[in-house]
Amino acid sequence: MTGLTTHVLDTASGKPAEGLRIELFRIEGDVRHIIKTVITNSDGRVDGGAILAGKSFKSGTYELMFHAGDYLRGSGVALPHPAFLDLVPIRFGIADEAAHYHVPLLISPYGYSTYRGS
């Protein structure tokens, strides 16, 4: 499988992060071009699997913007104002157009982690 996928888990609740909005941007110099906006499903993944695939999956620099604050507030978490984590940007590079890039996110109100998964 080639393309870009993600999976978001809410480590505070121990469940997939359902209903979390994610924006995908392509970065060219100092300019961010929005490519797509998606919402995670009940498994914390994107319906259809890949966020980016096929002819649109090209080498370059990208950013996933996870709207963590909106998700957490919508899940009933009482966040301070301003929230410690509201928007979580993850900027990464795609070098191999024949590869699968998986960018998971583990989120809680006060921390997150990511890595290149499989």
C-alpha atoms as a PDB file:
ATOM      1  CA  MET A   1       0.000   0.000   0.000  1.00  0.00           C
ATOM      2  CA  THR A   2       1.249   3.468  -0.839  1.00  0.00           C
ATOM      3  CA  GLY A   3      -0.129   6.734   0.464  1.00  0.00           C
ATOM      4  CA  LEU A   4      -0.581   8.647   3.681  1.00  0.00           C
ATOM      5  CA  THR A   5      -2.640   7.356   6.605  1.00  0.00           C
ATOM      6  CA  THR A   6      -3.184   8.309  10.238  1.00  0.00           C
ATOM      7  CA  HIS A   7      -4.735   6.865  13.391  1.00  0.00           C
ATOM      8  CA  VAL A   8      -5.602   8.988  16.430  1.00  0.00           C
ATOM      9  CA  LEU A   9      -5.921   7.512  19.914  1.00  0.00           C
ATOM     10  CA  ASP A  10      -7.106   9.393  22.992  1.00  0.00           C
ATOM     11  CA  THR A  11      -4.711   8.166  25.664  1.00  0.00           C
ATOM     12  CA  ALA A  12      -6.658   9.857  28.478  1.00  0.00           C
ATOM     13  CA  SER A  13      -9.820   7.882  27.706  1.00  0.00           C
ATOM     14  CA  GLY A  14      -8.111   4.796  26.298  1.00  0.00           C
ATOM     15  CA  LYS A  15     -10.248   4.975  23.139  1.00  0.00           C
ATOM     16  CA  PRO A  16      -9.934   5.951  19.488  1.00  0.00           C
ATOM     17  CA  ALA A  17     -10.429   9.686  18.937  1.00  0.00           C
ATOM     18  CA  GLU A  18     -13.710   9.728  17.025  1.00  0.00           C
ATOM     19  CA  GLY A  19     -14.776  12.994  15.397  1.00  0.00           C
ATOM     20  CA  LEU A  20     -11.380  14.711  15.383  1.00  0.00           C
ATOM     21  CA  ARG A  21     -10.911  17.130  12.479  1.00  0.00           C
ATOM     22  CA  ILE A  22      -7.627  16.923  10.574  1.00  0.00           C
ATOM     23  CA  GLU A  23      -6.420  19.264   7.849  1.00  0.00           C
ATOM     24  CA  LEU A  24      -3.702  18.242   5.393  1.00  0.00           C
ATOM     25  CA  PHE A  25      -1.449  20.923   3.908  1.00  0.00           C
ATOM     26  CA  ARG A  26       1.317  20.793   1.318  1.00  0.00           C
ATOM     27  CA  ILE A  27       4.175  23.140   2.201  1.00  0.00           C
ATOM     28  CA  GLU A  28       5.927  25.047  -0.584  1.00  0.00           C
ATOM     29  CA  GLY A  29       8.470  27.516   0.757  1.00  0.00           C
ATOM     30  CA  ASP A  30       6.643  29.674   3.301  1.00  0.00           C
ATOM     31  CA  VAL A  31       3.213  28.881   1.851  1.00  0.00           C
ATOM     32  CA  ARG A  32       0.787  26.244   3.161  1.00  0.00           C
ATOM     33  CA  HIS A  33      -1.714  24.931   0.604  1.00  0.00           C
ATOM     34  CA  ILE A  34      -4.675  23.078   2.069  1.00  0.00           C
ATOM     35  CA  ILE A  35      -5.286  19.788   0.294  1.00  0.00           C
ATOM     36  CA  LYS A  36      -7.997  18.134   2.327  1.00  0.00           C
ATOM     37  CA  THR A  37     -10.002  18.187   5.551  1.00  0.00           C
ATOM     38  CA  VAL A  38     -11.127  14.898   7.113  1.00  0.00           C
ATOM     39  CA  ILE A  39     -12.841  13.711  10.295  1.00  0.00           C
ATOM     40  CA  THR A  40     -11.813  10.560  12.155  1.00  0.00           C
ATOM     41  CA  ASN A  41     -14.291   7.701  12.375  1.00  0.00           C
ATOM     42  CA  SER A  42     -15.196   5.509  15.365  1.00  0.00           C
ATOM     43  CA  ASP A  43     -11.850   3.714  15.052  1.00  0.00           C
ATOM     44  CA  GLY A  44      -9.873   6.984  15.083  1.00  0.00           C
ATOM     45  CA  ARG A  45      -9.024   6.521  11.407  1.00  0.00           C
ATOM     46  CA  VAL A  46     -10.107   8.195   8.187  1.00  0.00           C
ATOM     47  CA  ASP A  47     -12.877   6.591   6.132  1.00  0.00           C
ATOM     48  CA  GLY A  48     -11.437   5.186   2.938  1.00  0.00           C
ATOM     49  CA  GLY A  49      -8.062   4.551   4.558  1.00  0.00           C
ATOM     50  CA  ALA A  50      -5.647   7.000   2.972  1.00  0.00           C
ATOM     51  CA  ILE A  51      -5.722  10.749   3.418  1.00  0.00           C
ATOM     52  CA  LEU A  52      -3.510  11.099   0.372  1.00  0.00           C
ATOM     53  CA  ALA A  53      -3.081   8.458  -2.348  1.00  0.00           C
ATOM     54  CA  GLY A  54      -2.798   7.911  -6.065  1.00  0.00           C
ATOM     55  CA  LYS A  55      -1.629  10.774  -8.292  1.00  0.00           C
ATOM     56  CA  SER A  56      -1.964  13.233  -5.377  1.00  0.00           C
ATOM     57  CA  PHE A  57       0.636  11.319  -3.333  1.00  0.00           C
ATOM     58  CA  LYS A  58       3.847  13.152  -4.275  1.00  0.00           C
ATOM     59  CA  SER A  59       7.153  13.750  -2.586  1.00  0.00           C
ATOM     60  CA  GLY A  60       7.403  16.975  -0.664  1.00  0.00           C
ATOM     61  CA  THR A  61       6.796  18.570   2.711  1.00  0.00           C
ATOM     62  CA  TYR A  62       3.367  18.226   4.318  1.00  0.00           C
ATOM     63  CA  GLU A  63       1.617  19.157   7.536  1.00  0.00           C
ATOM     64  CA  LEU A  64      -1.225  17.460   9.332  1.00  0.00           C
ATOM     65  CA  MET A  65      -3.115  19.860  11.602  1.00  0.00           C
ATOM     66  CA  PHE A  66      -4.995  17.968  14.308  1.00  0.00           C
ATOM     67  CA  HIS A  67      -7.791  19.978  15.966  1.00  0.00           C
ATOM     68  CA  ALA A  68      -7.229  18.399  19.370  1.00  0.00           C
ATOM     69  CA  GLY A  69      -8.852  21.123  21.489  1.00  0.00           C
ATOM     70  CA  ASP A  70     -12.166  20.934  19.619  1.00  0.00           C
ATOM     71  CA  TYR A  71     -12.122  17.143  19.905  1.00  0.00           C
ATOM     72  CA  LEU A  72     -11.310  17.162  23.630  1.00  0.00           C
ATOM     73  CA  ARG A  73     -13.958  19.787  24.457  1.00  0.00           C
ATOM     74  CA  GLY A  74     -16.479  17.818  22.380  1.00  0.00           C
ATOM     75  CA  SER A  75     -15.605  14.711  24.384  1.00  0.00           C
ATOM     76  CA  GLY A  76     -16.568  16.477  27.606  1.00  0.00           C
ATOM     77  CA  VAL A  77     -13.051  17.275  28.808  1.00  0.00           C
ATOM     78  CA  ALA A  78     -12.912  20.523  30.801  1.00  0.00           C
ATOM     79  CA  LEU A  79      -9.968  22.405  29.347  1.00  0.00           C
ATOM     80  CA  PRO A  80      -8.486  25.620  30.731  1.00  0.00           C
ATOM     81  CA  HIS A  81      -8.703  28.761  28.651  1.00  0.00           C
ATOM     82  CA  PRO A  82      -6.574  28.851  26.673  1.00  0.00           C
ATOM     83  CA  ALA A  83      -6.145  25.096  26.316  1.00  0.00           C
ATOM     84  CA  PHE A  84      -2.616  23.776  26.743  1.00  0.00           C
ATOM     85  CA  LEU A  85      -3.021  21.844  23.467  1.00  0.00           C
ATOM     86  CA  ASP A  86      -5.469  23.173  20.920  1.00  0.00           C
ATOM     87  CA  LEU A  87      -3.992  22.704  17.449  1.00  0.00           C
ATOM     88  CA  VAL A  88      -1.333  20.025  17.000  1.00  0.00           C
ATOM     89  CA  PRO A  89       0.683  20.489  13.791  1.00  0.00           C
ATOM     90  CA  ILE A  90       2.892  17.686  12.564  1.00  0.00           C
ATOM     91  CA  ARG A  91       5.157  18.637   9.668  1.00  0.00           C
ATOM     92  CA  PHE A  92       6.883  15.818   7.830  1.00  0.00           C
ATOM     93  CA  GLY A  93       8.468  14.922   4.522  1.00  0.00           C
ATOM     94  CA  ILE A  94       7.496  12.342   1.927  1.00  0.00           C
ATOM     95  CA  ALA A  95      10.571  11.232   0.010  1.00  0.00           C
ATOM     96  CA  ASP A  96       9.467   7.899  -1.495  1.00  0.00           C
ATOM     97  CA  GLU A  97       6.306   8.022  -3.607  1.00  0.00           C
ATOM     98  CA  ALA A  98       6.205   4.209  -3.667  1.00  0.00           C
ATOM     99  CA  ALA A  99       6.066   3.919   0.142  1.00  0.00           C
ATOM    100  CA  HIS A 100       3.394   3.994   2.813  1.00  0.00           C
ATOM    101  CA  TYR A 101       3.625   6.865   5.295  1.00  0.00           C
ATOM    102  CA  HIS A 102       1.618   6.388   8.480  1.00  0.00           C
ATOM    103  CA  VAL A 103       1.527   9.340  10.919  1.00  0.00           C
ATOM    104  CA  PRO A 104      -0.338   8.283  14.068  1.00  0.00           C
ATOM    105  CA  LEU A 105      -1.154  10.612  16.949  1.00  0.00           C
ATOM    106  CA  LEU A 106      -1.547   9.749  20.623  1.00  0.00           C
ATOM    107  CA  ILE A 107      -3.346  12.663  22.276  1.00  0.00           C
ATOM    108  CA  SER A 108      -4.367  13.770  25.770  1.00  0.00           C
ATOM    109  CA  PRO A 109      -5.184  17.224  27.184  1.00  0.00           C
ATOM    110  CA  TYR A 110      -1.563  17.823  28.213  1.00  0.00           C
ATOM    111  CA  GLY A 111       0.585  15.803  25.842  1.00  0.00           C
ATOM    112  CA  TYR A 112       0.899  14.053  22.520  1.00  0.00           C
ATOM    113  CA  SER A 113       3.297  11.828  20.640  1.00  0.00           C
ATOM    114  CA  THR A 114       3.747  10.722  17.073  1.00  0.00           C
ATOM    115  CA  TYR A 115       6.106   8.596  14.995  1.00  0.00           C
ATOM    116  CA  ARG A 116       6.338   7.131  11.518  1.00  0.00           C
ATOM    117  CA  GLY A 117       4.286   3.979  11.779  1.00  0.00           C
ATOM    118  CA  SER A 118       3.622   1.152   9.399  1.00  0.00           C
END
